[in-house]
Amino acid sequence: MVGGTRIDALATIVIGLSLVMTLTGCPTLLVETGKKALEDRTTNDQVTDTKLAASITTDLTKKDKSLLLDVSTDVWEQRVLLTGAVSDPRVKQEIVAMVRADERVRTLYDEIQIVSPEEQAERRKAAQEKEQGEPKKEGFSQTVNDFWIETKISARLVTEPDVRSVNFRWRSVRNTVYIIGRARSEAELQRVLEICKSVDGVVAVKSFVEVRPLT
């Protein structure tokens, strides 16, 4: 499906899920579904990307479930961005090799950082707190700071009129922002990068965004 037909079909799905979410109380799923309905990815790409991300998560869990606190996976049109931090270079190599072996992966961007065992432990603790709810600014840690950077970027991009924020995914790791997705124009991409760089605490921005106008 293309054009209005695809949008109408996705809108129908969202409306149907809205009724389900109202009854079952799952607002997060509803929000994510609504985002997908507005993305420029095709439905097939959305499905493939979701399955690919799920497979990577499963593989990480089988290897060591704690790795889910260390490594983040973002997939856009079968391009995979790995971010996060581990203390053992061999573990990083094993993760990269594992993901690269999946034939669905079109391009892999390895941006996993190597940190000390002490920092990895601190990051895991902060990540667990984040999973349980919004981390507090008290008892500052690097991971908490990254969380607030991501939150500020989200607030800026969502309200930026010249940016279609649903087409982008971003992560902050030790004050470096990594972003992947698709921009409709070079001007849109530059605006996104400007916003990321302007957020307090950001020291660098690495872009893996493809510029492809709608056809």
N, C-alpha and C. Protein backbone atom coordinates (compact mmCIF):
# COMPACT_ATOMS: atom_id res chain seq x y z
N MET A 1 0.84 -1.20 0.00
CA MET A 1 0.00 0.00 0.00
C MET A 1 0.87 1.24 0.00
N VAL A 2 0.44 2.30 -0.69
CA VAL A 2 1.20 3.53 -0.74
C VAL A 2 0.26 4.70 -0.54
N GLY A 3 0.88 5.89 -0.28
CA GLY A 3 0.12 7.12 -0.20
C GLY A 3 -0.99 7.06 0.81
N GLY A 4 -2.16 7.65 0.41
CA GLY A 4 -3.28 7.73 1.32
C GLY A 4 -3.80 6.38 1.75
N THR A 5 -3.72 5.38 0.86
CA THR A 5 -4.22 4.05 1.20
C THR A 5 -3.48 3.49 2.39
N ARG A 6 -2.15 3.63 2.38
CA ARG A 6 -1.34 3.12 3.50
C ARG A 6 -1.65 3.87 4.77
N ILE A 7 -1.77 5.20 4.68
CA ILE A 7 -2.05 6.01 5.87
C ILE A 7 -3.41 5.65 6.45
N ASP A 8 -4.43 5.46 5.56
CA ASP A 8 -5.76 5.10 6.03
C ASP A 8 -5.75 3.76 6.75
N ALA A 9 -5.00 2.81 6.18
CA ALA A 9 -4.93 1.48 6.79
C ALA A 9 -4.27 1.54 8.16
N LEU A 10 -3.16 2.29 8.25
CA LEU A 10 -2.47 2.41 9.53
C LEU A 10 -3.34 3.15 10.55
N ALA A 11 -4.07 4.15 10.07
CA ALA A 11 -4.95 4.90 10.97
C ALA A 11 -6.02 3.98 11.55
N THR A 12 -6.53 3.07 10.70
CA THR A 12 -7.53 2.11 11.16
C THR A 12 -6.97 1.22 12.25
N ILE A 13 -5.71 0.80 12.06
CA ILE A 13 -5.05 -0.04 13.07
C ILE A 13 -4.92 0.71 14.39
N VAL A 14 -4.51 1.99 14.30
CA VAL A 14 -4.33 2.80 15.50
C VAL A 14 -5.64 2.96 16.25
N ILE A 15 -6.72 3.24 15.50
CA ILE A 15 -8.03 3.42 16.14
C ILE A 15 -8.46 2.14 16.84
N GLY A 16 -8.24 1.01 16.16
CA GLY A 16 -8.61 -0.27 16.76
C GLY A 16 -7.81 -0.54 18.02
N LEU A 17 -6.50 -0.27 17.95
CA LEU A 17 -5.66 -0.49 19.13
C LEU A 17 -6.00 0.48 20.24
N SER A 18 -6.47 1.67 19.89
CA SER A 18 -6.86 2.65 20.90
C SER A 18 -7.95 2.08 21.79
N LEU A 19 -8.92 1.41 21.17
CA LEU A 19 -10.00 0.82 21.94
C LEU A 19 -9.48 -0.29 22.85
N VAL A 20 -8.54 -1.09 22.29
CA VAL A 20 -7.96 -2.17 23.10
C VAL A 20 -7.17 -1.60 24.26
N MET A 21 -6.37 -0.57 23.99
CA MET A 21 -5.52 0.01 25.03
C MET A 21 -6.37 0.67 26.12
N THR A 22 -7.50 1.25 25.72
CA THR A 22 -8.38 1.88 26.71
C THR A 22 -8.88 0.86 27.70
N LEU A 23 -9.15 -0.34 27.19
CA LEU A 23 -9.69 -1.40 28.05
C LEU A 23 -8.61 -2.11 28.85
N THR A 24 -7.41 -2.22 28.25
CA THR A 24 -6.36 -2.99 28.91
C THR A 24 -5.35 -2.13 29.66
N GLY A 25 -5.36 -0.82 29.40
CA GLY A 25 -4.46 0.06 30.13
C GLY A 25 -3.02 -0.08 29.71
N CYS A 26 -2.69 0.08 28.41
CA CYS A 26 -1.32 -0.03 27.91
C CYS A 26 -0.98 1.21 27.10
N PRO A 27 -0.81 2.38 27.74
CA PRO A 27 -0.57 3.63 27.01
C PRO A 27 0.73 3.64 26.23
N THR A 28 1.77 2.97 26.72
CA THR A 28 3.06 2.98 26.02
C THR A 28 2.94 2.34 24.65
N LEU A 29 2.27 1.19 24.59
CA LEU A 29 2.07 0.52 23.31
C LEU A 29 1.26 1.39 22.37
N LEU A 30 0.27 2.07 22.89
CA LEU A 30 -0.56 2.95 22.07
C LEU A 30 0.27 4.08 21.48
N VAL A 31 1.13 4.69 22.29
CA VAL A 31 1.98 5.78 21.81
C VAL A 31 2.91 5.29 20.71
N GLU A 32 3.55 4.12 20.93
CA GLU A 32 4.47 3.59 19.93
C GLU A 32 3.74 3.25 18.63
N THR A 33 2.53 2.72 18.75
CA THR A 33 1.75 2.41 17.56
C THR A 33 1.39 3.67 16.80
N GLY A 34 1.04 4.72 17.54
CA GLY A 34 0.72 5.99 16.90
C GLY A 34 1.91 6.56 16.16
N LYS A 35 3.10 6.42 16.73
CA LYS A 35 4.32 6.91 16.08
C LYS A 35 4.55 6.18 14.77
N LYS A 36 4.40 4.86 14.80
CA LYS A 36 4.65 4.07 13.60
C LYS A 36 3.70 4.47 12.47
N ALA A 37 2.48 4.86 12.82
CA ALA A 37 1.52 5.24 11.79
C ALA A 37 1.94 6.51 11.06
N LEU A 38 2.81 7.30 11.69
CA LEU A 38 3.24 8.57 11.10
C LEU A 38 4.61 8.48 10.44
N GLU A 39 5.30 7.37 10.61
CA GLU A 39 6.65 7.24 10.06
C GLU A 39 6.63 7.15 8.54
N ASP A 40 7.79 7.45 7.94
CA ASP A 40 7.94 7.30 6.50
C ASP A 40 8.43 5.91 6.11
N ARG A 41 8.73 5.07 7.10
CA ARG A 41 9.08 3.68 6.78
C ARG A 41 7.86 2.96 6.23
N THR A 42 8.09 2.03 5.31
CA THR A 42 6.99 1.21 4.82
C THR A 42 6.55 0.25 5.93
N THR A 43 5.36 -0.26 5.79
CA THR A 43 4.87 -1.23 6.77
C THR A 43 5.78 -2.45 6.82
N ASN A 44 6.24 -2.90 5.66
CA ASN A 44 7.13 -4.07 5.62
C ASN A 44 8.43 -3.80 6.37
N ASP A 45 8.98 -2.60 6.20
CA ASP A 45 10.21 -2.24 6.91
C ASP A 45 9.96 -2.19 8.41
N GLN A 46 8.83 -1.65 8.81
CA GLN A 46 8.50 -1.58 10.24
C GLN A 46 8.45 -2.97 10.85
N VAL A 47 7.79 -3.89 10.15
CA VAL A 47 7.66 -5.26 10.65
C VAL A 47 9.03 -5.94 10.71
N THR A 48 9.80 -5.81 9.64
CA THR A 48 11.13 -6.44 9.59
C THR A 48 12.04 -5.86 10.66
N ASP A 49 12.03 -4.54 10.82
CA ASP A 49 12.87 -3.89 11.83
C ASP A 49 12.50 -4.35 13.24
N THR A 50 11.19 -4.45 13.50
CA THR A 50 10.73 -4.89 14.82
C THR A 50 11.18 -6.31 15.11
N LYS A 51 11.05 -7.18 14.13
CA LYS A 51 11.48 -8.57 14.32
C LYS A 51 13.00 -8.66 14.50
N LEU A 52 13.74 -7.85 13.74
CA LEU A 52 15.19 -7.85 13.84
C LEU A 52 15.64 -7.38 15.21
N ALA A 53 15.04 -6.31 15.70
CA ALA A 53 15.38 -5.79 17.03
C ALA A 53 15.04 -6.82 18.11
N ALA A 54 13.92 -7.50 17.95
CA ALA A 54 13.52 -8.52 18.92
C ALA A 54 14.50 -9.68 18.93
N SER A 55 14.98 -10.06 17.74
CA SER A 55 15.95 -11.16 17.66
C SER A 55 17.25 -10.80 18.36
N ILE A 56 17.70 -9.56 18.16
CA ILE A 56 18.93 -9.11 18.81
C ILE A 56 18.76 -9.12 20.32
N THR A 57 17.61 -8.65 20.78
CA THR A 57 17.33 -8.64 22.22
C THR A 57 17.35 -10.06 22.78
N THR A 58 16.74 -10.97 22.06
CA THR A 58 16.71 -12.37 22.49
C THR A 58 18.12 -12.95 22.57
N ASP A 59 18.94 -12.66 21.56
CA ASP A 59 20.32 -13.17 21.54
C ASP A 59 21.13 -12.59 22.69
N LEU A 60 20.93 -11.31 22.98
CA LEU A 60 21.64 -10.69 24.10
C LEU A 60 21.23 -11.33 25.42
N THR A 61 19.94 -11.61 25.55
CA THR A 61 19.43 -12.22 26.77
C THR A 61 20.01 -13.61 26.97
N LYS A 62 20.11 -14.37 25.88
CA LYS A 62 20.67 -15.72 25.97
C LYS A 62 22.14 -15.67 26.38
N LYS A 63 22.85 -14.68 25.89
CA LYS A 63 24.27 -14.55 26.21
C LYS A 63 24.45 -14.12 27.66
N ASP A 64 23.74 -13.06 28.05
CA ASP A 64 23.80 -12.53 29.41
C ASP A 64 22.72 -11.48 29.53
N LYS A 65 21.68 -11.75 30.30
CA LYS A 65 20.55 -10.82 30.36
C LYS A 65 20.95 -9.44 30.87
N SER A 66 22.07 -9.36 31.58
CA SER A 66 22.54 -8.05 32.05
C SER A 66 22.99 -7.16 30.90
N LEU A 67 23.28 -7.77 29.76
CA LEU A 67 23.71 -6.98 28.60
C LEU A 67 22.60 -6.06 28.11
N LEU A 68 21.36 -6.39 28.44
CA LEU A 68 20.25 -5.52 28.05
C LEU A 68 20.32 -4.17 28.77
N LEU A 69 21.05 -4.13 29.88
CA LEU A 69 21.27 -2.88 30.60
C LEU A 69 22.47 -2.13 30.04
N ASP A 70 23.33 -2.84 29.32
CA ASP A 70 24.56 -2.25 28.80
C ASP A 70 24.44 -1.74 27.37
N VAL A 71 23.67 -2.47 26.58
CA VAL A 71 23.64 -2.21 25.14
C VAL A 71 22.23 -1.86 24.66
N SER A 72 22.14 -0.83 23.82
CA SER A 72 20.86 -0.45 23.21
C SER A 72 20.92 -0.73 21.72
N THR A 73 19.80 -1.16 21.18
CA THR A 73 19.71 -1.49 19.75
C THR A 73 18.62 -0.65 19.10
N ASP A 74 18.99 0.08 18.06
CA ASP A 74 18.02 0.84 17.28
C ASP A 74 18.13 0.40 15.82
N VAL A 75 16.98 0.11 15.23
CA VAL A 75 16.97 -0.42 13.86
C VAL A 75 16.09 0.48 12.98
N TRP A 76 16.63 0.88 11.85
CA TRP A 76 15.85 1.66 10.89
C TRP A 76 16.13 1.14 9.49
N GLU A 77 15.12 0.55 8.88
CA GLU A 77 15.24 -0.02 7.55
C GLU A 77 16.42 -0.98 7.44
N GLN A 78 16.51 -1.85 8.44
CA GLN A 78 17.52 -2.90 8.57
C GLN A 78 18.94 -2.37 8.76
N ARG A 79 19.07 -1.11 9.08
CA ARG A 79 20.36 -0.56 9.50
C ARG A 79 20.35 -0.56 11.03
N VAL A 80 21.33 -1.20 11.61
CA VAL A 80 21.35 -1.41 13.07
C VAL A 80 22.40 -0.54 13.73
N LEU A 81 21.97 0.20 14.75
CA LEU A 81 22.87 1.02 15.55
C LEU A 81 22.98 0.43 16.95
N LEU A 82 24.19 0.01 17.31
CA LEU A 82 24.45 -0.51 18.65
C LEU A 82 25.16 0.56 19.46
N THR A 83 24.59 0.91 20.60
CA THR A 83 25.21 1.89 21.50
C THR A 83 25.23 1.33 22.91
N GLY A 84 25.95 2.02 23.79
CA GLY A 84 26.04 1.57 25.16
C GLY A 84 27.48 1.45 25.59
N ALA A 85 27.72 0.68 26.65
CA ALA A 85 29.08 0.56 27.17
C ALA A 85 29.26 -0.78 27.88
N VAL A 86 30.39 -1.42 27.61
CA VAL A 86 30.77 -2.66 28.30
C VAL A 86 32.23 -2.53 28.74
N SER A 87 32.61 -3.36 29.67
CA SER A 87 33.98 -3.26 30.19
C SER A 87 34.96 -4.24 29.55
N ASP A 88 34.43 -5.23 28.85
CA ASP A 88 35.28 -6.26 28.26
C ASP A 88 35.25 -6.15 26.73
N PRO A 89 36.37 -5.81 26.09
CA PRO A 89 36.42 -5.69 24.63
C PRO A 89 35.99 -6.98 23.92
N ARG A 90 36.25 -8.14 24.55
CA ARG A 90 35.87 -9.40 23.92
C ARG A 90 34.35 -9.55 23.85
N VAL A 91 33.69 -9.07 24.89
CA VAL A 91 32.22 -9.11 24.90
C VAL A 91 31.67 -8.24 23.78
N LYS A 92 32.26 -7.08 23.60
CA LYS A 92 31.84 -6.19 22.52
C LYS A 92 32.00 -6.88 21.17
N GLN A 93 33.14 -7.52 20.95
CA GLN A 93 33.40 -8.21 19.69
C GLN A 93 32.38 -9.32 19.45
N GLU A 94 32.04 -10.04 20.51
CA GLU A 94 31.08 -11.13 20.39
C GLU A 94 29.69 -10.61 20.04
N ILE A 95 29.31 -9.48 20.64
CA ILE A 95 28.00 -8.88 20.35
C ILE A 95 27.93 -8.43 18.89
N VAL A 96 28.98 -7.75 18.45
CA VAL A 96 29.03 -7.26 17.07
C VAL A 96 28.97 -8.42 16.08
N ALA A 97 29.73 -9.48 16.35
CA ALA A 97 29.75 -10.64 15.46
C ALA A 97 28.38 -11.31 15.42
N MET A 98 27.73 -11.37 16.57
CA MET A 98 26.41 -12.00 16.67
C MET A 98 25.38 -11.25 15.83
N VAL A 99 25.40 -9.92 15.92
CA VAL A 99 24.44 -9.11 15.17
C VAL A 99 24.76 -9.14 13.68
N ARG A 100 26.04 -9.07 13.36
CA ARG A 100 26.45 -9.06 11.95
C ARG A 100 26.07 -10.36 11.24
N ALA A 101 25.95 -11.45 11.99
CA ALA A 101 25.63 -12.75 11.39
C ALA A 101 24.18 -12.83 10.91
N ASP A 102 23.34 -11.92 11.37
CA ASP A 102 21.94 -11.92 10.95
C ASP A 102 21.85 -11.39 9.52
N GLU A 103 21.35 -12.20 8.60
CA GLU A 103 21.31 -11.83 7.19
C GLU A 103 20.38 -10.66 6.90
N ARG A 104 19.50 -10.34 7.83
CA ARG A 104 18.59 -9.21 7.61
C ARG A 104 19.27 -7.87 7.80
N VAL A 105 20.42 -7.87 8.46
CA VAL A 105 21.13 -6.61 8.75
C VAL A 105 21.75 -6.07 7.47
N ARG A 106 21.31 -4.88 7.07
CA ARG A 106 21.85 -4.25 5.85
C ARG A 106 23.16 -3.53 6.16
N THR A 107 23.20 -2.81 7.27
CA THR A 107 24.40 -2.09 7.72
C THR A 107 24.43 -2.12 9.23
N LEU A 108 25.62 -2.30 9.78
CA LEU A 108 25.78 -2.31 11.24
C LEU A 108 26.70 -1.19 11.67
N TYR A 109 26.25 -0.38 12.61
CA TYR A 109 27.06 0.69 13.17
C TYR A 109 27.41 0.31 14.61
N ASP A 110 28.65 -0.02 14.84
CA ASP A 110 29.11 -0.42 16.17
C ASP A 110 29.62 0.81 16.92
N GLU A 111 28.83 1.28 17.88
CA GLU A 111 29.22 2.44 18.68
C GLU A 111 29.20 2.11 20.17
N ILE A 112 29.44 0.84 20.48
CA ILE A 112 29.54 0.42 21.88
C ILE A 112 30.87 0.89 22.44
N GLN A 113 30.85 1.57 23.56
CA GLN A 113 32.06 2.10 24.17
C GLN A 113 32.62 1.12 25.21
N ILE A 114 33.92 1.22 25.43
CA ILE A 114 34.58 0.42 26.46
C ILE A 114 34.81 1.29 27.68
N VAL A 115 34.35 0.82 28.83
CA VAL A 115 34.48 1.58 30.08
C VAL A 115 35.08 0.67 31.15
N SER A 116 35.38 1.25 32.29
CA SER A 116 35.92 0.46 33.40
C SER A 116 34.81 -0.41 34.00
N PRO A 117 35.18 -1.51 34.68
CA PRO A 117 34.17 -2.34 35.35
C PRO A 117 33.34 -1.54 36.35
N GLU A 118 33.98 -0.58 37.01
CA GLU A 118 33.26 0.24 38.00
C GLU A 118 32.19 1.09 37.31
N GLU A 119 32.54 1.69 36.19
CA GLU A 119 31.55 2.51 35.48
C GLU A 119 30.44 1.65 34.90
N GLN A 120 30.78 0.47 34.42
CA GLN A 120 29.76 -0.41 33.90
C GLN A 120 28.75 -0.77 34.99
N ALA A 121 29.25 -1.04 36.20
CA ALA A 121 28.36 -1.37 37.32
C ALA A 121 27.45 -0.20 37.66
N GLU A 122 28.00 1.01 37.64
CA GLU A 122 27.21 2.20 37.92
C GLU A 122 26.14 2.41 36.85
N ARG A 123 26.52 2.19 35.60
CA ARG A 123 25.57 2.35 34.49
C ARG A 123 24.44 1.33 34.59
N ARG A 124 24.77 0.12 34.98
CA ARG A 124 23.74 -0.90 35.13
C ARG A 124 22.75 -0.53 36.23
N LYS A 125 23.27 -0.03 37.33
CA LYS A 125 22.40 0.36 38.43
C LYS A 125 21.46 1.49 38.00
N ALA A 126 22.01 2.48 37.31
CA ALA A 126 21.19 3.61 36.85
C ALA A 126 20.17 3.15 35.81
N ALA A 127 20.57 2.21 34.95
CA ALA A 127 19.66 1.70 33.92
C ALA A 127 18.49 0.96 34.56
N GLN A 128 18.76 0.23 35.64
CA GLN A 128 17.70 -0.46 36.35
C GLN A 128 16.73 0.54 36.97
N GLU A 129 17.26 1.62 37.52
CA GLU A 129 16.41 2.66 38.10
C GLU A 129 15.55 3.32 37.01
N LYS A 130 16.14 3.48 35.83
CA LYS A 130 15.42 4.08 34.71
C LYS A 130 14.26 3.18 34.29
N GLU A 131 14.47 1.87 34.29
CA GLU A 131 13.42 0.94 33.91
C GLU A 131 12.26 0.98 34.89
N GLN A 132 12.58 1.30 36.14
CA GLN A 132 11.55 1.35 37.18
C GLN A 132 10.81 2.68 37.20
N GLY A 133 11.29 3.64 36.46
CA GLY A 133 10.68 4.95 36.42
C GLY A 133 11.73 6.01 36.13
N GLU A 134 11.30 7.24 36.04
CA GLU A 134 12.22 8.34 35.73
C GLU A 134 13.28 8.48 36.81
N PRO A 135 14.57 8.39 36.47
CA PRO A 135 15.63 8.48 37.48
C PRO A 135 15.69 9.88 38.09
N LYS A 136 16.07 9.93 39.35
CA LYS A 136 16.17 11.20 40.04
C LYS A 136 17.51 11.86 39.75
N LYS A 137 17.52 13.18 39.76
CA LYS A 137 18.76 13.91 39.50
C LYS A 137 19.71 13.82 40.69
N GLU A 138 19.12 13.58 41.89
CA GLU A 138 19.97 13.41 43.06
C GLU A 138 20.80 12.13 42.88
N GLY A 139 22.01 12.12 43.42
CA GLY A 139 22.87 10.96 43.26
C GLY A 139 23.27 10.83 41.81
N PHE A 140 23.74 11.96 41.25
CA PHE A 140 24.06 12.04 39.82
C PHE A 140 24.97 10.91 39.37
N SER A 141 24.66 10.37 38.19
CA SER A 141 25.54 9.41 37.54
C SER A 141 25.56 9.76 36.06
N GLN A 142 26.54 9.23 35.34
CA GLN A 142 26.64 9.51 33.92
C GLN A 142 25.41 9.05 33.17
N THR A 143 24.90 7.87 33.54
CA THR A 143 23.73 7.34 32.85
C THR A 143 22.50 8.22 33.07
N VAL A 144 22.36 8.74 34.28
CA VAL A 144 21.25 9.66 34.57
C VAL A 144 21.38 10.90 33.70
N ASN A 145 22.59 11.41 33.56
CA ASN A 145 22.81 12.59 32.73
C ASN A 145 22.44 12.28 31.28
N ASP A 146 22.80 11.09 30.79
CA ASP A 146 22.45 10.70 29.43
C ASP A 146 20.93 10.64 29.27
N PHE A 147 20.25 10.15 30.31
CA PHE A 147 18.79 10.09 30.26
C PHE A 147 18.19 11.48 30.09
N TRP A 148 18.70 12.43 30.83
CA TRP A 148 18.16 13.79 30.74
C TRP A 148 18.50 14.43 29.40
N ILE A 149 19.65 14.12 28.85
CA ILE A 149 20.00 14.63 27.51
C ILE A 149 19.00 14.08 26.48
N GLU A 150 18.74 12.78 26.54
CA GLU A 150 17.78 12.17 25.61
C GLU A 150 16.39 12.79 25.77
N THR A 151 16.00 13.05 27.02
CA THR A 151 14.69 13.64 27.28
C THR A 151 14.58 15.05 26.71
N LYS A 152 15.63 15.83 26.87
CA LYS A 152 15.62 17.20 26.36
C LYS A 152 15.59 17.21 24.83
N ILE A 153 16.34 16.31 24.21
CA ILE A 153 16.34 16.22 22.75
C ILE A 153 14.94 15.84 22.26
N SER A 154 14.34 14.89 22.93
CA SER A 154 13.00 14.46 22.56
C SER A 154 12.01 15.62 22.61
N ALA A 155 12.06 16.40 23.69
CA ALA A 155 11.15 17.52 23.84
C ALA A 155 11.34 18.56 22.74
N ARG A 156 12.59 18.78 22.35
CA ARG A 156 12.90 19.76 21.31
C ARG A 156 12.46 19.27 19.94
N LEU A 157 12.79 18.02 19.61
CA LEU A 157 12.49 17.51 18.27
C LEU A 157 11.00 17.35 18.04
N VAL A 158 10.29 16.89 19.07
CA VAL A 158 8.85 16.67 18.93
C VAL A 158 8.11 17.96 18.63
N THR A 159 8.61 19.08 19.16
CA THR A 159 7.91 20.35 18.98
C THR A 159 8.49 21.20 17.84
N GLU A 160 9.52 20.67 17.16
CA GLU A 160 10.13 21.42 16.06
C GLU A 160 9.27 21.27 14.80
N PRO A 161 8.72 22.37 14.27
CA PRO A 161 7.81 22.28 13.11
C PRO A 161 8.43 21.76 11.83
N ASP A 162 9.74 21.93 11.67
CA ASP A 162 10.40 21.52 10.43
C ASP A 162 11.05 20.14 10.54
N VAL A 163 10.72 19.40 11.60
CA VAL A 163 11.31 18.08 11.81
C VAL A 163 10.21 17.04 12.03
N ARG A 164 10.31 15.94 11.31
CA ARG A 164 9.39 14.82 11.52
C ARG A 164 10.07 13.85 12.48
N SER A 165 9.89 14.09 13.76
CA SER A 165 10.67 13.40 14.79
C SER A 165 10.47 11.89 14.81
N VAL A 166 9.32 11.41 14.33
CA VAL A 166 9.07 9.96 14.36
C VAL A 166 10.02 9.19 13.45
N ASN A 167 10.71 9.89 12.57
CA ASN A 167 11.65 9.23 11.65
C ASN A 167 13.06 9.15 12.20
N PHE A 168 13.24 9.51 13.47
CA PHE A 168 14.58 9.52 14.06
C PHE A 168 14.60 8.75 15.38
N ARG A 169 15.75 8.14 15.68
CA ARG A 169 15.99 7.49 16.96
C ARG A 169 17.32 8.03 17.50
N TRP A 170 17.39 8.36 18.78
CA TRP A 170 18.61 8.94 19.32
C TRP A 170 18.95 8.34 20.68
N ARG A 171 20.25 8.28 20.94
CA ARG A 171 20.77 7.78 22.21
C ARG A 171 21.91 8.68 22.66
N SER A 172 22.02 8.86 23.96
CA SER A 172 23.16 9.57 24.53
C SER A 172 23.95 8.59 25.37
N VAL A 173 25.25 8.50 25.09
CA VAL A 173 26.13 7.63 25.86
C VAL A 173 27.36 8.44 26.25
N ARG A 174 27.48 8.70 27.53
CA ARG A 174 28.61 9.48 28.05
C ARG A 174 28.71 10.83 27.33
N ASN A 175 27.54 11.46 27.14
CA ASN A 175 27.41 12.82 26.57
C ASN A 175 27.62 12.89 25.06
N THR A 176 27.79 11.74 24.42
CA THR A 176 27.83 11.72 22.96
C THR A 176 26.48 11.23 22.46
N VAL A 177 25.90 11.97 21.54
CA VAL A 177 24.58 11.62 21.01
C VAL A 177 24.75 10.89 19.68
N TYR A 178 24.07 9.75 19.58
CA TYR A 178 24.07 8.96 18.35
C TYR A 178 22.64 9.00 17.81
N ILE A 179 22.51 9.25 16.51
CA ILE A 179 21.17 9.37 15.93
C ILE A 179 21.09 8.62 14.60
N ILE A 180 19.99 7.90 14.42
CA ILE A 180 19.78 7.14 13.20
C ILE A 180 18.35 7.38 12.72
N GLY A 181 18.11 7.13 11.44
CA GLY A 181 16.77 7.32 10.90
C GLY A 181 16.81 7.81 9.48
N ARG A 182 15.83 8.64 9.16
CA ARG A 182 15.70 9.12 7.78
C ARG A 182 15.22 10.57 7.79
N ALA A 183 15.93 11.41 7.06
CA ALA A 183 15.53 12.82 6.91
C ALA A 183 14.96 13.02 5.52
N ARG A 184 13.97 13.89 5.41
CA ARG A 184 13.35 14.16 4.12
C ARG A 184 14.18 15.13 3.27
N SER A 185 15.09 15.84 3.93
CA SER A 185 15.94 16.79 3.20
C SER A 185 17.20 17.04 4.01
N GLU A 186 18.22 17.60 3.35
CA GLU A 186 19.45 17.95 4.05
C GLU A 186 19.17 19.04 5.08
N ALA A 187 18.24 19.93 4.77
CA ALA A 187 17.89 21.01 5.70
C ALA A 187 17.29 20.45 6.98
N GLU A 188 16.43 19.42 6.84
CA GLU A 188 15.84 18.81 8.02
C GLU A 188 16.91 18.14 8.86
N LEU A 189 17.82 17.42 8.22
CA LEU A 189 18.89 16.75 8.96
C LEU A 189 19.73 17.76 9.71
N GLN A 190 20.10 18.86 9.06
CA GLN A 190 20.93 19.86 9.71
C GLN A 190 20.22 20.47 10.91
N ARG A 191 18.90 20.65 10.79
CA ARG A 191 18.14 21.20 11.92
C ARG A 191 18.15 20.22 13.09
N VAL A 192 17.99 18.93 12.80
CA VAL A 192 18.03 17.91 13.84
C VAL A 192 19.38 17.92 14.55
N LEU A 193 20.45 17.98 13.78
CA LEU A 193 21.79 17.96 14.37
C LEU A 193 22.05 19.22 15.19
N GLU A 194 21.54 20.36 14.72
CA GLU A 194 21.68 21.61 15.47
C GLU A 194 21.01 21.52 16.83
N ILE A 195 19.82 20.93 16.83
CA ILE A 195 19.08 20.78 18.08
C ILE A 195 19.83 19.88 19.05
N CYS A 196 20.33 18.75 18.55
CA CYS A 196 21.08 17.82 19.41
C CYS A 196 22.32 18.49 20.00
N LYS A 197 23.05 19.22 19.17
CA LYS A 197 24.28 19.87 19.62
C LYS A 197 24.02 20.98 20.62
N SER A 198 22.83 21.59 20.54
CA SER A 198 22.53 22.73 21.40
C SER A 198 22.09 22.34 22.81
N VAL A 199 21.80 21.06 23.01
CA VAL A 199 21.35 20.60 24.33
C VAL A 199 22.50 20.63 25.32
N ASP A 200 22.25 21.18 26.48
CA ASP A 200 23.27 21.32 27.51
C ASP A 200 23.83 19.95 27.90
N GLY A 201 25.16 19.83 27.89
CA GLY A 201 25.82 18.59 28.28
C GLY A 201 26.31 17.77 27.11
N VAL A 202 25.78 18.01 25.92
CA VAL A 202 26.20 17.23 24.75
C VAL A 202 27.59 17.68 24.30
N VAL A 203 28.51 16.72 24.16
CA VAL A 203 29.88 17.04 23.74
C VAL A 203 30.14 16.68 22.29
N ALA A 204 29.33 15.76 21.73
CA ALA A 204 29.52 15.35 20.34
C ALA A 204 28.24 14.72 19.83
N VAL A 205 28.04 14.79 18.50
CA VAL A 205 26.88 14.17 17.86
C VAL A 205 27.37 13.35 16.67
N LYS A 206 26.96 12.09 16.60
CA LYS A 206 27.33 11.23 15.48
C LYS A 206 26.05 10.83 14.75
N SER A 207 25.99 11.17 13.47
CA SER A 207 24.77 10.93 12.69
C SER A 207 24.92 9.72 11.77
N PHE A 208 23.87 8.88 11.78
CA PHE A 208 23.76 7.75 10.86
C PHE A 208 22.41 7.85 10.14
N VAL A 209 22.03 9.09 9.87
CA VAL A 209 20.75 9.37 9.23
C VAL A 209 20.92 9.42 7.72
N GLU A 210 20.02 8.78 7.00
CA GLU A 210 20.01 8.84 5.55
C GLU A 210 19.07 9.96 5.10
N VAL A 211 19.47 10.72 4.10
CA VAL A 211 18.61 11.76 3.55
C VAL A 211 17.95 11.20 2.30
N ARG A 212 16.63 11.05 2.38
CA ARG A 212 15.88 10.54 1.23
C ARG A 212 14.53 11.23 1.15
N PRO A 213 14.34 12.11 0.17
CA PRO A 213 13.05 12.79 0.02
C PRO A 213 11.95 11.78 -0.28
N LEU A 214 10.72 12.13 0.08
CA LEU A 214 9.60 11.27 -0.24
C LEU A 214 9.39 11.23 -1.75
N THR A 215 9.04 10.08 -2.27
CA THR A 215 8.83 9.96 -3.72
C THR A 215 7.35 9.77 -4.00
